[in-house]
Amino acid sequence: MAEYLQADKKQEIFAKYGKSNKDTGSPESQIALFSYRINHLTEHVKRNKKDVVTRRSLLRLVGKRRRLLDYLREIDIERYRNIVKELGLRR
């Protein structure tokens, strides 16, 4: 099985949502990466209903993304609104 998150895919996400493809630390790039992983794991959990470990990992990722979004909303509401709009997240 091929790894679902290759280095070039990460570079692409960081280039699109961060300041550059090396920008791994900005909240926007991390939120985008978490969203990509969440979407992938959601599909996996739908197919494998009894995979409790992956379900728990998915919930932890959702929590991490939520905390990052809350942080971004506190420091810069415009950046928060932009990333939510770009990724199509609710709320």
PDB file of N, CA and C in Angstrom:
ATOM      1  N   MET A   1       0.839  -1.185   0.000  1.00  0.00           N
ATOM      2  CA  MET A   1       0.000   0.000   0.000  1.00  0.00           C
ATOM      3  C   MET A   1       0.883   1.247   0.000  1.00  0.00           C
ATOM      4  N   ALA A   2       0.583   2.184  -0.853  1.00  0.00           N
ATOM      5  CA  ALA A   2       1.349   3.427  -0.932  1.00  0.00           C
ATOM      6  C   ALA A   2       0.938   4.362   0.205  1.00  0.00           C
ATOM      7  N   GLU A   3       1.903   5.081   0.686  1.00  0.00           N
ATOM      8  CA  GLU A   3       1.610   6.049   1.743  1.00  0.00           C
ATOM      9  C   GLU A   3       0.739   7.156   1.155  1.00  0.00           C
ATOM     10  N   TYR A   4      -0.306   7.550   1.883  1.00  0.00           N
ATOM     11  CA  TYR A   4      -1.258   8.500   1.313  1.00  0.00           C
ATOM     12  C   TYR A   4      -0.758   9.932   1.345  1.00  0.00           C
ATOM     13  N   LEU A   5       0.256  10.216   2.166  1.00  0.00           N
ATOM     14  CA  LEU A   5       0.716  11.599   2.284  1.00  0.00           C
ATOM     15  C   LEU A   5       2.201  11.667   1.941  1.00  0.00           C
ATOM     16  N   GLN A   6       2.502  11.734   0.645  1.00  0.00           N
ATOM     17  CA  GLN A   6       3.888  11.823   0.209  1.00  0.00           C
ATOM     18  C   GLN A   6       4.424  13.232   0.461  1.00  0.00           C
ATOM     19  N   ALA A   7       5.729  13.342   0.424  1.00  0.00           N
ATOM     20  CA  ALA A   7       6.386  14.620   0.677  1.00  0.00           C
ATOM     21  C   ALA A   7       5.956  15.683  -0.328  1.00  0.00           C
ATOM     22  N   ASP A   8       5.787  15.288  -1.582  1.00  0.00           N
ATOM     23  CA  ASP A   8       5.395  16.283  -2.586  1.00  0.00           C
ATOM     24  C   ASP A   8       3.982  16.807  -2.347  1.00  0.00           C
ATOM     25  N   LYS A   9       3.098  15.963  -1.816  1.00  0.00           N
ATOM     26  CA  LYS A   9       1.742  16.418  -1.490  1.00  0.00           C
ATOM     27  C   LYS A   9       1.789  17.431  -0.333  1.00  0.00           C
ATOM     28  N   LYS A  10       2.645  17.152   0.659  1.00  0.00           N
ATOM     29  CA  LYS A  10       2.822  18.096   1.772  1.00  0.00           C
ATOM     30  C   LYS A  10       3.347  19.430   1.256  1.00  0.00           C
ATOM     31  N   GLN A  11       4.351  19.376   0.384  1.00  0.00           N
ATOM     32  CA  GLN A  11       4.928  20.602  -0.193  1.00  0.00           C
ATOM     33  C   GLN A  11       3.842  21.409  -0.904  1.00  0.00           C
ATOM     34  N   GLU A  12       2.987  20.704  -1.633  1.00  0.00           N
ATOM     35  CA  GLU A  12       1.906  21.360  -2.371  1.00  0.00           C
ATOM     36  C   GLU A  12       0.936  22.060  -1.407  1.00  0.00           C
ATOM     37  N   ILE A  13       0.582  21.381  -0.322  1.00  0.00           N
ATOM     38  CA  ILE A  13      -0.331  21.965   0.676  1.00  0.00           C
ATOM     39  C   ILE A  13       0.312  23.189   1.322  1.00  0.00           C
ATOM     40  N   PHE A  14       1.589  23.067   1.701  1.00  0.00           N
ATOM     41  CA  PHE A  14       2.278  24.190   2.347  1.00  0.00           C
ATOM     42  C   PHE A  14       2.420  25.370   1.388  1.00  0.00           C
ATOM     43  N   ALA A  15       2.677  25.087   0.116  1.00  0.00           N
ATOM     44  CA  ALA A  15       2.821  26.161  -0.870  1.00  0.00           C
ATOM     45  C   ALA A  15       1.493  26.886  -1.088  1.00  0.00           C
ATOM     46  N   LYS A  16       0.403  26.126  -1.071  1.00  0.00           N
ATOM     47  CA  LYS A  16      -0.907  26.722  -1.343  1.00  0.00           C
ATOM     48  C   LYS A  16      -1.420  27.550  -0.156  1.00  0.00           C
ATOM     49  N   TYR A  17      -1.268  27.024   1.057  1.00  0.00           N
ATOM     50  CA  TYR A  17      -1.875  27.680   2.220  1.00  0.00           C
ATOM     51  C   TYR A  17      -0.877  28.436   3.090  1.00  0.00           C
ATOM     52  N   GLY A  18       0.410  28.080   3.012  1.00  0.00           N
ATOM     53  CA  GLY A  18       1.422  28.772   3.801  1.00  0.00           C
ATOM     54  C   GLY A  18       2.044  29.901   3.013  1.00  0.00           C
ATOM     55  N   LYS A  19       3.128  30.444   3.546  1.00  0.00           N
ATOM     56  CA  LYS A  19       3.823  31.533   2.852  1.00  0.00           C
ATOM     57  C   LYS A  19       4.713  30.990   1.731  1.00  0.00           C
ATOM     58  N   SER A  20       5.231  29.761   1.915  1.00  0.00           N
ATOM     59  CA  SER A  20       6.039  29.101   0.890  1.00  0.00           C
ATOM     60  C   SER A  20       5.899  27.599   1.084  1.00  0.00           C
ATOM     61  N   ASN A  21       6.569  26.814   0.240  1.00  0.00           N
ATOM     62  CA  ASN A  21       6.454  25.366   0.416  1.00  0.00           C
ATOM     63  C   ASN A  21       7.304  24.860   1.583  1.00  0.00           C
ATOM     64  N   LYS A  22       8.138  25.727   2.157  1.00  0.00           N
ATOM     65  CA  LYS A  22       8.921  25.361   3.340  1.00  0.00           C
ATOM     66  C   LYS A  22       8.234  25.822   4.627  1.00  0.00           C
ATOM     67  N   ASP A  23       7.111  26.522   4.501  1.00  0.00           N
ATOM     68  CA  ASP A  23       6.408  27.096   5.655  1.00  0.00           C
ATOM     69  C   ASP A  23       5.558  26.029   6.329  1.00  0.00           C
ATOM     70  N   THR A  24       6.184  25.277   7.242  1.00  0.00           N
ATOM     71  CA  THR A  24       5.462  24.201   7.917  1.00  0.00           C
ATOM     72  C   THR A  24       4.892  24.647   9.254  1.00  0.00           C
ATOM     73  N   GLY A  25       5.253  25.838   9.713  1.00  0.00           N
ATOM     74  CA  GLY A  25       4.880  26.235  11.060  1.00  0.00           C
ATOM     75  C   GLY A  25       3.688  27.149  11.169  1.00  0.00           C
ATOM     76  N   SER A  26       3.293  27.809  10.096  1.00  0.00           N
ATOM     77  CA  SER A  26       2.195  28.760  10.210  1.00  0.00           C
ATOM     78  C   SER A  26       0.892  28.011  10.495  1.00  0.00           C
ATOM     79  N   PRO A  27       0.002  28.628  11.264  1.00  0.00           N
ATOM     80  CA  PRO A  27      -1.269  27.970  11.580  1.00  0.00           C
ATOM     81  C   PRO A  27      -2.053  27.570  10.327  1.00  0.00           C
ATOM     82  N   GLU A  28      -2.019  28.421   9.299  1.00  0.00           N
ATOM     83  CA  GLU A  28      -2.775  28.114   8.088  1.00  0.00           C
ATOM     84  C   GLU A  28      -2.296  26.828   7.433  1.00  0.00           C
ATOM     85  N   SER A  29      -0.987  26.662   7.329  1.00  0.00           N
ATOM     86  CA  SER A  29      -0.464  25.464   6.670  1.00  0.00           C
ATOM     87  C   SER A  29      -0.743  24.217   7.521  1.00  0.00           C
ATOM     88  N   GLN A  30      -0.641  24.342   8.837  1.00  0.00           N
ATOM     89  CA  GLN A  30      -0.930  23.199   9.702  1.00  0.00           C
ATOM     90  C   GLN A  30      -2.400  22.816   9.641  1.00  0.00           C
ATOM     91  N   ILE A  31      -3.276  23.815   9.643  1.00  0.00           N
ATOM     92  CA  ILE A  31      -4.715  23.553   9.559  1.00  0.00           C
ATOM     93  C   ILE A  31      -5.043  22.864   8.238  1.00  0.00           C
ATOM     94  N   ALA A  32      -4.429  23.321   7.161  1.00  0.00           N
ATOM     95  CA  ALA A  32      -4.670  22.718   5.842  1.00  0.00           C
ATOM     96  C   ALA A  32      -4.199  21.262   5.822  1.00  0.00           C
ATOM     97  N   LEU A  33      -3.033  21.011   6.408  1.00  0.00           N
ATOM     98  CA  LEU A  33      -2.508  19.644   6.454  1.00  0.00           C
ATOM     99  C   LEU A  33      -3.415  18.750   7.301  1.00  0.00           C
ATOM    100  N   PHE A  34      -3.840  19.241   8.463  1.00  0.00           N
ATOM    101  CA  PHE A  34      -4.751  18.473   9.314  1.00  0.00           C
ATOM    102  C   PHE A  34      -6.054  18.179   8.574  1.00  0.00           C
ATOM    103  N   SER A  35      -6.563  19.159   7.835  1.00  0.00           N
ATOM    104  CA  SER A  35      -7.818  18.971   7.103  1.00  0.00           C
ATOM    105  C   SER A  35      -7.670  17.880   6.046  1.00  0.00           C
ATOM    106  N   TYR A  36      -6.534  17.878   5.357  1.00  0.00           N
ATOM    107  CA  TYR A  36      -6.278  16.845   4.358  1.00  0.00           C
ATOM    108  C   TYR A  36      -6.263  15.458   5.017  1.00  0.00           C
ATOM    109  N   ARG A  37      -5.553  15.364   6.139  1.00  0.00           N
ATOM    110  CA  ARG A  37      -5.469  14.087   6.852  1.00  0.00           C
ATOM    111  C   ARG A  37      -6.827  13.664   7.400  1.00  0.00           C
ATOM    112  N   ILE A  38      -7.596  14.629   7.912  1.00  0.00           N
ATOM    113  CA  ILE A  38      -8.925  14.332   8.452  1.00  0.00           C
ATOM    114  C   ILE A  38      -9.830  13.778   7.359  1.00  0.00           C
ATOM    115  N   ASN A  39      -9.801  14.391   6.184  1.00  0.00           N
ATOM    116  CA  ASN A  39     -10.630  13.904   5.077  1.00  0.00           C
ATOM    117  C   ASN A  39     -10.249  12.480   4.697  1.00  0.00           C
ATOM    118  N   HIS A  40      -8.946  12.206   4.659  1.00  0.00           N
ATOM    119  CA  HIS A  40      -8.478  10.862   4.313  1.00  0.00           C
ATOM    120  C   HIS A  40      -8.938   9.841   5.362  1.00  0.00           C
ATOM    121  N   LEU A  41      -8.740  10.166   6.647  1.00  0.00           N
ATOM    122  CA  LEU A  41      -9.099   9.230   7.711  1.00  0.00           C
ATOM    123  C   LEU A  41     -10.610   9.036   7.805  1.00  0.00           C
ATOM    124  N   THR A  42     -11.375  10.071   7.494  1.00  0.00           N
ATOM    125  CA  THR A  42     -12.832   9.953   7.525  1.00  0.00           C
ATOM    126  C   THR A  42     -13.298   8.897   6.529  1.00  0.00           C
ATOM    127  N   GLU A  43     -12.711   8.924   5.342  1.00  0.00           N
ATOM    128  CA  GLU A  43     -13.064   7.909   4.342  1.00  0.00           C
ATOM    129  C   GLU A  43     -12.685   6.511   4.830  1.00  0.00           C
ATOM    130  N   HIS A  44     -11.521   6.394   5.452  1.00  0.00           N
ATOM    131  CA  HIS A  44     -11.068   5.100   5.974  1.00  0.00           C
ATOM    132  C   HIS A  44     -12.034   4.574   7.028  1.00  0.00           C
ATOM    133  N   VAL A  45     -12.449   5.456   7.949  1.00  0.00           N
ATOM    134  CA  VAL A  45     -13.330   5.040   9.045  1.00  0.00           C
ATOM    135  C   VAL A  45     -14.715   4.662   8.509  1.00  0.00           C
ATOM    136  N   LYS A  46     -15.161   5.333   7.451  1.00  0.00           N
ATOM    137  CA  LYS A  46     -16.446   4.965   6.847  1.00  0.00           C
ATOM    138  C   LYS A  46     -16.398   3.543   6.283  1.00  0.00           C
ATOM    139  N   ARG A  47     -15.256   3.180   5.692  1.00  0.00           N
ATOM    140  CA  ARG A  47     -15.109   1.839   5.117  1.00  0.00           C
ATOM    141  C   ARG A  47     -14.867   0.778   6.185  1.00  0.00           C
ATOM    142  N   ASN A  48     -14.152   1.148   7.255  1.00  0.00           N
ATOM    143  CA  ASN A  48     -13.751   0.194   8.296  1.00  0.00           C
ATOM    144  C   ASN A  48     -14.355   0.609   9.630  1.00  0.00           C
ATOM    145  N   LYS A  49     -15.612   0.270   9.808  1.00  0.00           N
ATOM    146  CA  LYS A  49     -16.371   0.761  10.954  1.00  0.00           C
ATOM    147  C   LYS A  49     -15.818   0.278  12.302  1.00  0.00           C
ATOM    148  N   LYS A  50     -15.133  -0.850  12.307  1.00  0.00           N
ATOM    149  CA  LYS A  50     -14.644  -1.394  13.581  1.00  0.00           C
ATOM    150  C   LYS A  50     -13.225  -0.950  13.925  1.00  0.00           C
ATOM    151  N   ASP A  51     -12.634  -0.109  13.118  1.00  0.00           N
ATOM    152  CA  ASP A  51     -11.267   0.364  13.358  1.00  0.00           C
ATOM    153  C   ASP A  51     -11.295   1.495  14.386  1.00  0.00           C
ATOM    154  N   VAL A  52     -11.278   1.109  15.647  1.00  0.00           N
ATOM    155  CA  VAL A  52     -11.437   2.068  16.746  1.00  0.00           C
ATOM    156  C   VAL A  52     -10.185   2.932  16.914  1.00  0.00           C
ATOM    157  N   VAL A  53      -9.018   2.363  16.662  1.00  0.00           N
ATOM    158  CA  VAL A  53      -7.771   3.101  16.839  1.00  0.00           C
ATOM    159  C   VAL A  53      -7.707   4.276  15.862  1.00  0.00           C
ATOM    160  N   THR A  54      -8.062   4.032  14.616  1.00  0.00           N
ATOM    161  CA  THR A  54      -8.055   5.104  13.621  1.00  0.00           C
ATOM    162  C   THR A  54      -9.110   6.144  13.962  1.00  0.00           C
ATOM    163  N   ARG A  55     -10.263   5.700  14.446  1.00  0.00           N
ATOM    164  CA  ARG A  55     -11.327   6.631  14.840  1.00  0.00           C
ATOM    165  C   ARG A  55     -10.836   7.567  15.948  1.00  0.00           C
ATOM    166  N   ARG A  56     -10.092   7.008  16.910  1.00  0.00           N
ATOM    167  CA  ARG A  56      -9.551   7.823  17.997  1.00  0.00           C
ATOM    168  C   ARG A  56      -8.517   8.815  17.468  1.00  0.00           C
ATOM    169  N   SER A  57      -7.672   8.361  16.547  1.00  0.00           N
ATOM    170  CA  SER A  57      -6.683   9.251  15.935  1.00  0.00           C
ATOM    171  C   SER A  57      -7.364  10.382  15.183  1.00  0.00           C
ATOM    172  N   LEU A  58      -8.447  10.054  14.498  1.00  0.00           N
ATOM    173  CA  LEU A  58      -9.215  11.059  13.766  1.00  0.00           C
ATOM    174  C   LEU A  58      -9.773  12.106  14.725  1.00  0.00           C
ATOM    175  N   LEU A  59     -10.311  11.668  15.846  1.00  0.00           N
ATOM    176  CA  LEU A  59     -10.865  12.615  16.822  1.00  0.00           C
ATOM    177  C   LEU A  59      -9.775  13.505  17.416  1.00  0.00           C
ATOM    178  N   ARG A  60      -8.593  12.938  17.641  1.00  0.00           N
ATOM    179  CA  ARG A  60      -7.481  13.753  18.146  1.00  0.00           C
ATOM    180  C   ARG A  60      -7.075  14.807  17.131  1.00  0.00           C
ATOM    181  N   LEU A  61      -7.035  14.430  15.852  1.00  0.00           N
ATOM    182  CA  LEU A  61      -6.688  15.382  14.798  1.00  0.00           C
ATOM    183  C   LEU A  61      -7.716  16.507  14.706  1.00  0.00           C
ATOM    184  N   VAL A  62      -8.991  16.149  14.818  1.00  0.00           N
ATOM    185  CA  VAL A  62     -10.050  17.164  14.774  1.00  0.00           C
ATOM    186  C   VAL A  62      -9.876  18.143  15.935  1.00  0.00           C
ATOM    187  N   GLY A  63      -9.525  17.618  17.115  1.00  0.00           N
ATOM    188  CA  GLY A  63      -9.291  18.475  18.277  1.00  0.00           C
ATOM    189  C   GLY A  63      -8.105  19.402  18.077  1.00  0.00           C
ATOM    190  N   LYS A  64      -7.037  18.875  17.506  1.00  0.00           N
ATOM    191  CA  LYS A  64      -5.851  19.702  17.233  1.00  0.00           C
ATOM    192  C   LYS A  64      -6.193  20.828  16.267  1.00  0.00           C
ATOM    193  N   ARG A  65      -6.933  20.483  15.207  1.00  0.00           N
ATOM    194  CA  ARG A  65      -7.314  21.495  14.225  1.00  0.00           C
ATOM    195  C   ARG A  65      -8.213  22.547  14.859  1.00  0.00           C
ATOM    196  N   ARG A  66      -9.135  22.101  15.721  1.00  0.00           N
ATOM    197  CA  ARG A  66     -10.036  23.029  16.404  1.00  0.00           C
ATOM    198  C   ARG A  66      -9.244  24.017  17.272  1.00  0.00           C
ATOM    199  N   ARG A  67      -8.254  23.496  18.010  1.00  0.00           N
ATOM    200  CA  ARG A  67      -7.440  24.373  18.867  1.00  0.00           C
ATOM    201  C   ARG A  67      -6.640  25.369  18.040  1.00  0.00           C
ATOM    202  N   LEU A  68      -6.091  24.906  16.910  1.00  0.00           N
ATOM    203  CA  LEU A  68      -5.353  25.823  16.029  1.00  0.00           C
ATOM    204  C   LEU A  68      -6.273  26.892  15.452  1.00  0.00           C
ATOM    205  N   LEU A  69      -7.484  26.493  15.072  1.00  0.00           N
ATOM    206  CA  LEU A  69      -8.443  27.467  14.544  1.00  0.00           C
ATOM    207  C   LEU A  69      -8.826  28.490  15.616  1.00  0.00           C
ATOM    208  N   ASP A  70      -9.022  28.021  16.847  1.00  0.00           N
ATOM    209  CA  ASP A  70      -9.346  28.945  17.945  1.00  0.00           C
ATOM    210  C   ASP A  70      -8.202  29.927  18.180  1.00  0.00           C
ATOM    211  N   TYR A  71      -6.968  29.413  18.140  1.00  0.00           N
ATOM    212  CA  TYR A  71      -5.790  30.262  18.314  1.00  0.00           C
ATOM    213  C   TYR A  71      -5.733  31.323  17.213  1.00  0.00           C
ATOM    214  N   LEU A  72      -5.927  30.890  15.978  1.00  0.00           N
ATOM    215  CA  LEU A  72      -5.863  31.814  14.847  1.00  0.00           C
ATOM    216  C   LEU A  72      -6.966  32.860  14.946  1.00  0.00           C
ATOM    217  N   ARG A  73      -8.139  32.462  15.393  1.00  0.00           N
ATOM    218  CA  ARG A  73      -9.244  33.412  15.550  1.00  0.00           C
ATOM    219  C   ARG A  73      -8.899  34.476  16.587  1.00  0.00           C
ATOM    220  N   GLU A  74      -8.189  34.073  17.640  1.00  0.00           N
ATOM    221  CA  GLU A  74      -7.797  35.029  18.690  1.00  0.00           C
ATOM    222  C   GLU A  74      -6.755  36.031  18.195  1.00  0.00           C
ATOM    223  N   ILE A  75      -5.751  35.546  17.426  1.00  0.00           N
ATOM    224  CA  ILE A  75      -4.667  36.461  17.046  1.00  0.00           C
ATOM    225  C   ILE A  75      -4.982  37.291  15.813  1.00  0.00           C
ATOM    226  N   ASP A  76      -5.757  36.722  14.846  1.00  0.00           N
ATOM    227  CA  ASP A  76      -6.035  37.472  13.614  1.00  0.00           C
ATOM    228  C   ASP A  76      -7.312  36.934  12.970  1.00  0.00           C
ATOM    229  N   ILE A  77      -8.412  37.621  13.193  1.00  0.00           N
ATOM    230  CA  ILE A  77      -9.722  37.151  12.737  1.00  0.00           C
ATOM    231  C   ILE A  77      -9.800  37.065  11.222  1.00  0.00           C
ATOM    232  N   GLU A  78      -9.094  37.942  10.501  1.00  0.00           N
ATOM    233  CA  GLU A  78      -9.138  37.911   9.033  1.00  0.00           C
ATOM    234  C   GLU A  78      -8.464  36.655   8.476  1.00  0.00           C
ATOM    235  N   ARG A  79      -7.303  36.306   9.028  1.00  0.00           N
ATOM    236  CA  ARG A  79      -6.617  35.080   8.594  1.00  0.00           C
ATOM    237  C   ARG A  79      -7.493  33.860   8.886  1.00  0.00           C
ATOM    238  N   TYR A  80      -8.160  33.890  10.041  1.00  0.00           N
ATOM    239  CA  TYR A  80      -9.075  32.805  10.418  1.00  0.00           C
ATOM    240  C   TYR A  80     -10.199  32.672   9.389  1.00  0.00           C
ATOM    241  N   ARG A  81     -10.824  33.790   9.056  1.00  0.00           N
ATOM    242  CA  ARG A  81     -11.937  33.767   8.099  1.00  0.00           C
ATOM    243  C   ARG A  81     -11.476  33.276   6.728  1.00  0.00           C
ATOM    244  N   ASN A  82     -10.279  33.708   6.317  1.00  0.00           N
ATOM    245  CA  ASN A  82      -9.756  33.287   5.011  1.00  0.00           C
ATOM    246  C   ASN A  82      -9.530  31.778   4.945  1.00  0.00           C
ATOM    247  N   ILE A  83      -8.896  31.216   5.974  1.00  0.00           N
ATOM    248  CA  ILE A  83      -8.578  29.784   5.940  1.00  0.00           C
ATOM    249  C   ILE A  83      -9.851  28.954   6.026  1.00  0.00           C
ATOM    250  N   VAL A  84     -10.822  29.394   6.823  1.00  0.00           N
ATOM    251  CA  VAL A  84     -12.095  28.652   6.924  1.00  0.00           C
ATOM    252  C   VAL A  84     -12.813  28.679   5.580  1.00  0.00           C
ATOM    253  N   LYS A  85     -12.781  29.818   4.921  1.00  0.00           N
ATOM    254  CA  LYS A  85     -13.434  29.951   3.609  1.00  0.00           C
ATOM    255  C   LYS A  85     -12.723  29.103   2.555  1.00  0.00           C
ATOM    256  N   GLU A  86     -11.388  29.164   2.529  1.00  0.00           N
ATOM    257  CA  GLU A  86     -10.611  28.406   1.537  1.00  0.00           C
ATOM    258  C   GLU A  86     -10.808  26.903   1.678  1.00  0.00           C
ATOM    259  N   LEU A  87     -10.813  26.428   2.931  1.00  0.00           N
ATOM    260  CA  LEU A  87     -10.932  24.982   3.165  1.00  0.00           C
ATOM    261  C   LEU A  87     -12.381  24.506   3.174  1.00  0.00           C
ATOM    262  N   GLY A  88     -13.310  25.456   3.222  1.00  0.00           N
ATOM    263  CA  GLY A  88     -14.727  25.076   3.231  1.00  0.00           C
ATOM    264  C   GLY A  88     -15.158  24.483   4.550  1.00  0.00           C
ATOM    265  N   LEU A  89     -14.556  24.949   5.645  1.00  0.00           N
ATOM    266  CA  LEU A  89     -14.944  24.470   6.964  1.00  0.00           C
ATOM    267  C   LEU A  89     -16.156  25.235   7.451  1.00  0.00           C
ATOM    268  N   ARG A  90     -16.949  24.608   8.263  1.00  0.00           N
ATOM    269  CA  ARG A  90     -18.110  25.308   8.811  1.00  0.00           C
ATOM    270  C   ARG A  90     -17.706  26.143  10.000  1.00  0.00           C
ATOM    271  N   ARG A  91     -18.615  27.011  10.411  1.00  0.00           N
ATOM    272  CA  ARG A  91     -18.491  27.819  11.629  1.00  0.00           C
ATOM    273  C   ARG A  91     -17.677  29.039  11.524  1.00  0.00           C
TER     274      ARG A  91
END
